[in-house]
């Protein structure tokens, strides 16, 4: 998978290369749709107070791409717990598993965005006290350290350079 980066526009780090969630989301969405996942599935009306849609669903699995601010992790996990306990159906199947995808701390990013390492700490603490019954799989995006594997072409999207991601970490809760 290519690593999408962009120039920061945040004060203090303007112009520095940071993780690009928009480019990464577009790539992930295209890959999942290619593999017949449904995207942007509306949340049933009784639960819309928790948001308007889930990112992806297929055969009882919900996938949430979590590149936004770290507090949204709890919203995504708690609403997934509700969907699991209520047997809420997405694309014709009751919710049986939630997968959360986030980036590793090794990628510079905008302030207050969630990192994989934070998600591990939060989910570990919550799991210790059996907050969740829904099976959760946490997927972290990492780049192999001390190597650079550039792809020579420029991305058509925002002119960002692409680099290959070499590692994906998984944890089950």
C-alpha atoms as a PDB file:
ATOM      1  CA  UNK A   1       0.000   0.000   0.000  1.00  0.00           C
ATOM      2  CA  UNK A   2       1.405   3.447  -0.772  1.00  0.00           C
ATOM      3  CA  UNK A   3       2.200   5.886   1.996  1.00  0.00           C
ATOM      4  CA  UNK A   4       0.399   9.161   1.360  1.00  0.00           C
ATOM      5  CA  UNK A   5       2.007  12.307   2.728  1.00  0.00           C
ATOM      6  CA  UNK A   6       1.240  16.005   2.384  1.00  0.00           C
ATOM      7  CA  UNK A   7       2.708  19.319   3.456  1.00  0.00           C
ATOM      8  CA  UNK A   8       1.384  20.458   6.831  1.00  0.00           C
ATOM      9  CA  UNK A   9      -0.477  23.721   7.118  1.00  0.00           C
ATOM     10  CA  UNK A  10      -0.466  23.703  10.938  1.00  0.00           C
ATOM     11  CA  UNK A  11       1.287  26.543  12.742  1.00  0.00           C
ATOM     12  CA  UNK A  12       4.764  25.556  13.864  1.00  0.00           C
ATOM     13  CA  UNK A  13       5.136  22.705  11.377  1.00  0.00           C
ATOM     14  CA  UNK A  14       4.026  24.379   8.145  1.00  0.00           C
ATOM     15  CA  UNK A  15       5.505  22.714   5.091  1.00  0.00           C
ATOM     16  CA  UNK A  16       6.704  19.595   6.952  1.00  0.00           C
ATOM     17  CA  UNK A  17       5.712  16.246   5.488  1.00  0.00           C
ATOM     18  CA  UNK A  18       2.898  14.654   7.488  1.00  0.00           C
ATOM     19  CA  UNK A  19       0.590  11.683   7.101  1.00  0.00           C
ATOM     20  CA  UNK A  20      -2.210  12.363   4.601  1.00  0.00           C
ATOM     21  CA  UNK A  21      -5.452  10.796   5.863  1.00  0.00           C
ATOM     22  CA  UNK A  22      -7.444  11.836   2.778  1.00  0.00           C
ATOM     23  CA  UNK A  23      -5.121  10.109   0.296  1.00  0.00           C
ATOM     24  CA  UNK A  24      -4.811   7.054   2.552  1.00  0.00           C
ATOM     25  CA  UNK A  25      -8.594   6.834   2.989  1.00  0.00           C
ATOM     26  CA  UNK A  26      -9.126   7.031  -0.773  1.00  0.00           C
ATOM     27  CA  UNK A  27      -6.633   4.227  -1.378  1.00  0.00           C
ATOM     28  CA  UNK A  28      -8.135   2.014   1.356  1.00  0.00           C
ATOM     29  CA  UNK A  29     -11.684   2.687   0.132  1.00  0.00           C
ATOM     30  CA  UNK A  30     -10.792   1.742  -3.449  1.00  0.00           C
ATOM     31  CA  UNK A  31      -9.116  -1.473  -2.237  1.00  0.00           C
ATOM     32  CA  UNK A  32     -12.070  -2.506  -0.058  1.00  0.00           C
ATOM     33  CA  UNK A  33     -14.624  -1.721  -2.755  1.00  0.00           C
ATOM     34  CA  UNK A  34     -12.541  -3.788  -5.179  1.00  0.00           C
ATOM     35  CA  UNK A  35     -12.853  -6.670  -2.679  1.00  0.00           C
ATOM     36  CA  UNK A  36     -16.660  -6.225  -2.588  1.00  0.00           C
ATOM     37  CA  UNK A  37     -16.952  -4.398   0.734  1.00  0.00           C
ATOM     38  CA  UNK A  38     -19.799  -1.895   0.993  1.00  0.00           C
ATOM     39  CA  UNK A  39     -18.746   1.618   1.997  1.00  0.00           C
ATOM     40  CA  UNK A  40     -20.371   4.492   3.850  1.00  0.00           C
ATOM     41  CA  UNK A  41     -23.267   2.398   5.105  1.00  0.00           C
ATOM     42  CA  UNK A  42     -25.933   4.454   6.903  1.00  0.00           C
ATOM     43  CA  UNK A  43     -26.395   3.794  10.593  1.00  0.00           C
ATOM     44  CA  UNK A  44     -30.018   2.843  11.377  1.00  0.00           C
ATOM     45  CA  UNK A  45     -32.112   5.852  12.410  1.00  0.00           C
ATOM     46  CA  UNK A  46     -32.525   4.843  16.095  1.00  0.00           C
ATOM     47  CA  UNK A  47     -28.705   4.991  16.483  1.00  0.00           C
ATOM     48  CA  UNK A  48     -27.927   8.088  14.395  1.00  0.00           C
ATOM     49  CA  UNK A  49     -27.066   9.981  17.573  1.00  0.00           C
ATOM     50  CA  UNK A  50     -23.764   8.056  17.326  1.00  0.00           C
ATOM     51  CA  UNK A  51     -22.997   9.180  13.775  1.00  0.00           C
ATOM     52  CA  UNK A  52     -24.441   8.837  10.306  1.00  0.00           C
ATOM     53  CA  UNK A  53     -22.535   5.879   8.811  1.00  0.00           C
ATOM     54  CA  UNK A  54     -19.948   3.152   9.272  1.00  0.00           C
ATOM     55  CA  UNK A  55     -16.977   3.151   6.927  1.00  0.00           C
ATOM     56  CA  UNK A  56     -17.191  -0.429   5.589  1.00  0.00           C
ATOM     57  CA  UNK A  57     -19.225  -3.578   6.162  1.00  0.00           C
ATOM     58  CA  UNK A  58     -19.334  -7.096   4.824  1.00  0.00           C
ATOM     59  CA  UNK A  59     -20.665 -10.397   6.220  1.00  0.00           C
ATOM     60  CA  UNK A  60     -21.110  -9.140   9.805  1.00  0.00           C
ATOM     61  CA  UNK A  61     -17.820  -7.236   9.961  1.00  0.00           C
ATOM     62  CA  UNK A  62     -17.651  -3.468  10.432  1.00  0.00           C
ATOM     63  CA  UNK A  63     -14.422  -1.663   9.541  1.00  0.00           C
ATOM     64  CA  UNK A  64     -13.749   1.834  10.817  1.00  0.00           C
ATOM     65  CA  UNK A  65     -10.780   3.775   9.437  1.00  0.00           C
ATOM     66  CA  UNK A  66      -9.590   5.836  12.385  1.00  0.00           C
ATOM     67  CA  UNK A  67      -7.267   8.639  11.266  1.00  0.00           C
ATOM     68  CA  UNK A  68      -9.201  11.419  13.004  1.00  0.00           C
ATOM     69  CA  UNK A  69      -8.830  12.758  16.541  1.00  0.00           C
ATOM     70  CA  UNK A  70      -8.189  10.188  19.239  1.00  0.00           C
ATOM     71  CA  UNK A  71     -11.540  10.674  21.102  1.00  0.00           C
ATOM     72  CA  UNK A  72     -13.365   9.192  18.102  1.00  0.00           C
ATOM     73  CA  UNK A  73     -11.887   5.772  18.930  1.00  0.00           C
ATOM     74  CA  UNK A  74     -14.222   5.498  21.914  1.00  0.00           C
ATOM     75  CA  UNK A  75     -17.219   6.570  19.842  1.00  0.00           C
ATOM     76  CA  UNK A  76     -16.429   3.965  17.194  1.00  0.00           C
ATOM     77  CA  UNK A  77     -15.865   1.164  19.716  1.00  0.00           C
ATOM     78  CA  UNK A  78     -18.872   1.967  21.899  1.00  0.00           C
ATOM     79  CA  UNK A  79     -21.256   2.250  18.977  1.00  0.00           C
ATOM     80  CA  UNK A  80     -19.874  -1.017  17.588  1.00  0.00           C
ATOM     81  CA  UNK A  81     -20.561  -2.598  20.981  1.00  0.00           C
ATOM     82  CA  UNK A  82     -24.151  -1.331  20.768  1.00  0.00           C
ATOM     83  CA  UNK A  83     -24.517  -2.670  17.206  1.00  0.00           C
ATOM     84  CA  UNK A  84     -23.142  -6.042  18.366  1.00  0.00           C
ATOM     85  CA  UNK A  85     -25.456  -6.316  21.370  1.00  0.00           C
ATOM     86  CA  UNK A  86     -28.484  -5.085  19.393  1.00  0.00           C
ATOM     87  CA  UNK A  87     -27.610  -7.453  16.518  1.00  0.00           C
ATOM     88  CA  UNK A  88     -27.781  -4.431  14.208  1.00  0.00           C
ATOM     89  CA  UNK A  89     -27.578  -5.452  10.572  1.00  0.00           C
ATOM     90  CA  UNK A  90     -25.377  -3.794   8.002  1.00  0.00           C
ATOM     91  CA  UNK A  91     -25.623  -5.078   4.422  1.00  0.00           C
ATOM     92  CA  UNK A  92     -27.854  -7.924   5.567  1.00  0.00           C
ATOM     93  CA  UNK A  93     -25.720  -9.366   8.400  1.00  0.00           C
ATOM     94  CA  UNK A  94     -25.780  -8.733  12.157  1.00  0.00           C
ATOM     95  CA  UNK A  95     -22.656  -7.089  13.571  1.00  0.00           C
ATOM     96  CA  UNK A  96     -20.208  -9.782  14.745  1.00  0.00           C
ATOM     97  CA  UNK A  97     -16.790  -8.101  14.641  1.00  0.00           C
ATOM     98  CA  UNK A  98     -15.287  -4.619  14.434  1.00  0.00           C
ATOM     99  CA  UNK A  99     -11.949  -3.841  12.823  1.00  0.00           C
ATOM    100  CA  UNK A 100     -10.251  -0.514  13.507  1.00  0.00           C
ATOM    101  CA  UNK A 101      -7.464   0.741  11.250  1.00  0.00           C
ATOM    102  CA  UNK A 102      -5.075   3.485  12.364  1.00  0.00           C
ATOM    103  CA  UNK A 103      -1.561   4.742  11.704  1.00  0.00           C
ATOM    104  CA  UNK A 104       1.536   4.195  13.795  1.00  0.00           C
ATOM    105  CA  UNK A 105       3.245   6.879  15.875  1.00  0.00           C
ATOM    106  CA  UNK A 106       6.184   6.721  13.488  1.00  0.00           C
ATOM    107  CA  UNK A 107       4.262   8.916  11.027  1.00  0.00           C
ATOM    108  CA  UNK A 108       4.265  12.645  11.765  1.00  0.00           C
ATOM    109  CA  UNK A 109       0.661  13.823  11.679  1.00  0.00           C
ATOM    110  CA  UNK A 110      -1.717  16.619  12.600  1.00  0.00           C
ATOM    111  CA  UNK A 111      -2.145  17.386  16.296  1.00  0.00           C
ATOM    112  CA  UNK A 112      -4.491  15.200  18.361  1.00  0.00           C
ATOM    113  CA  UNK A 113      -4.880  12.446  15.769  1.00  0.00           C
ATOM    114  CA  UNK A 114      -5.013   8.876  16.992  1.00  0.00           C
ATOM    115  CA  UNK A 115      -1.947   6.663  16.780  1.00  0.00           C
ATOM    116  CA  UNK A 116      -1.940   2.872  16.866  1.00  0.00           C
ATOM    117  CA  UNK A 117       0.046   2.897  20.101  1.00  0.00           C
ATOM    118  CA  UNK A 118      -2.611   5.082  21.798  1.00  0.00           C
ATOM    119  CA  UNK A 119      -5.354   2.792  20.540  1.00  0.00           C
ATOM    120  CA  UNK A 120      -3.527  -0.233  21.983  1.00  0.00           C
ATOM    121  CA  UNK A 121      -3.280   1.480  25.380  1.00  0.00           C
ATOM    122  CA  UNK A 122      -6.921   2.597  25.393  1.00  0.00           C
ATOM    123  CA  UNK A 123      -8.331  -0.739  24.239  1.00  0.00           C
ATOM    124  CA  UNK A 124      -6.079  -2.709  26.588  1.00  0.00           C
ATOM    125  CA  UNK A 125      -7.308  -0.703  29.591  1.00  0.00           C
ATOM    126  CA  UNK A 126     -10.949  -1.062  28.564  1.00  0.00           C
ATOM    127  CA  UNK A 127     -10.565  -4.773  27.849  1.00  0.00           C
ATOM    128  CA  UNK A 128      -9.013  -5.339  31.277  1.00  0.00           C
ATOM    129  CA  UNK A 129     -12.374  -4.363  32.759  1.00  0.00           C
ATOM    130  CA  UNK A 130     -14.424  -6.228  30.151  1.00  0.00           C
ATOM    131  CA  UNK A 131     -16.049  -3.119  28.697  1.00  0.00           C
ATOM    132  CA  UNK A 132     -16.531  -4.785  25.316  1.00  0.00           C
ATOM    133  CA  UNK A 133     -18.166  -8.019  24.258  1.00  0.00           C
ATOM    134  CA  UNK A 134     -17.799  -7.323  20.541  1.00  0.00           C
ATOM    135  CA  UNK A 135     -14.622  -8.887  19.143  1.00  0.00           C
ATOM    136  CA  UNK A 136     -12.241  -6.074  18.119  1.00  0.00           C
ATOM    137  CA  UNK A 137      -9.306  -6.341  15.756  1.00  0.00           C
ATOM    138  CA  UNK A 138      -6.954  -3.360  15.749  1.00  0.00           C
ATOM    139  CA  UNK A 139      -4.842  -2.891  12.624  1.00  0.00           C
ATOM    140  CA  UNK A 140      -1.894  -0.496  12.648  1.00  0.00           C
ATOM    141  CA  UNK A 141      -0.208   0.873   9.555  1.00  0.00           C
ATOM    142  CA  UNK A 142       3.581   0.947   9.839  1.00  0.00           C
ATOM    143  CA  UNK A 143       6.454   1.624   7.485  1.00  0.00           C
ATOM    144  CA  UNK A 144       9.502  -0.589   7.682  1.00  0.00           C
ATOM    145  CA  UNK A 145      12.041   1.387   9.680  1.00  0.00           C
ATOM    146  CA  UNK A 146      15.396   2.491   8.266  1.00  0.00           C
ATOM    147  CA  UNK A 147      14.339   1.884   4.681  1.00  0.00           C
ATOM    148  CA  UNK A 148      12.878   4.060   1.987  1.00  0.00           C
ATOM    149  CA  UNK A 149      11.130   2.423  -0.911  1.00  0.00           C
ATOM    150  CA  UNK A 150      10.044   5.271  -3.166  1.00  0.00           C
ATOM    151  CA  UNK A 151       7.697   4.814  -6.065  1.00  0.00           C
ATOM    152  CA  UNK A 152       9.047   7.155  -8.737  1.00  0.00           C
ATOM    153  CA  UNK A 153       5.748   8.501 -10.007  1.00  0.00           C
ATOM    154  CA  UNK A 154       3.802  11.303  -8.346  1.00  0.00           C
ATOM    155  CA  UNK A 155       0.292  10.549  -7.180  1.00  0.00           C
ATOM    156  CA  UNK A 156      -2.413  12.185  -9.210  1.00  0.00           C
ATOM    157  CA  UNK A 157      -4.006  13.135  -5.909  1.00  0.00           C
ATOM    158  CA  UNK A 158      -2.559  16.406  -4.581  1.00  0.00           C
ATOM    159  CA  UNK A 159       0.862  15.672  -6.092  1.00  0.00           C
ATOM    160  CA  UNK A 160       2.012  13.771  -3.038  1.00  0.00           C
ATOM    161  CA  UNK A 161       4.932  11.370  -3.139  1.00  0.00           C
ATOM    162  CA  UNK A 162       4.173   7.723  -2.473  1.00  0.00           C
ATOM    163  CA  UNK A 163       6.262   5.299  -0.420  1.00  0.00           C
ATOM    164  CA  UNK A 164       5.458   1.664   0.159  1.00  0.00           C
ATOM    165  CA  UNK A 165       4.145   0.584   3.522  1.00  0.00           C
ATOM    166  CA  UNK A 166       5.958  -2.553   4.527  1.00  0.00           C
ATOM    167  CA  UNK A 167       4.271  -3.654   7.744  1.00  0.00           C
ATOM    168  CA  UNK A 168       0.801  -3.951   9.174  1.00  0.00           C
ATOM    169  CA  UNK A 169       0.433  -4.776  12.858  1.00  0.00           C
ATOM    170  CA  UNK A 170      -2.610  -6.574  14.235  1.00  0.00           C
ATOM    171  CA  UNK A 171      -3.920  -6.927  17.767  1.00  0.00           C
ATOM    172  CA  UNK A 172      -7.058  -8.739  18.853  1.00  0.00           C
ATOM    173  CA  UNK A 173      -9.117  -7.640  21.853  1.00  0.00           C
END
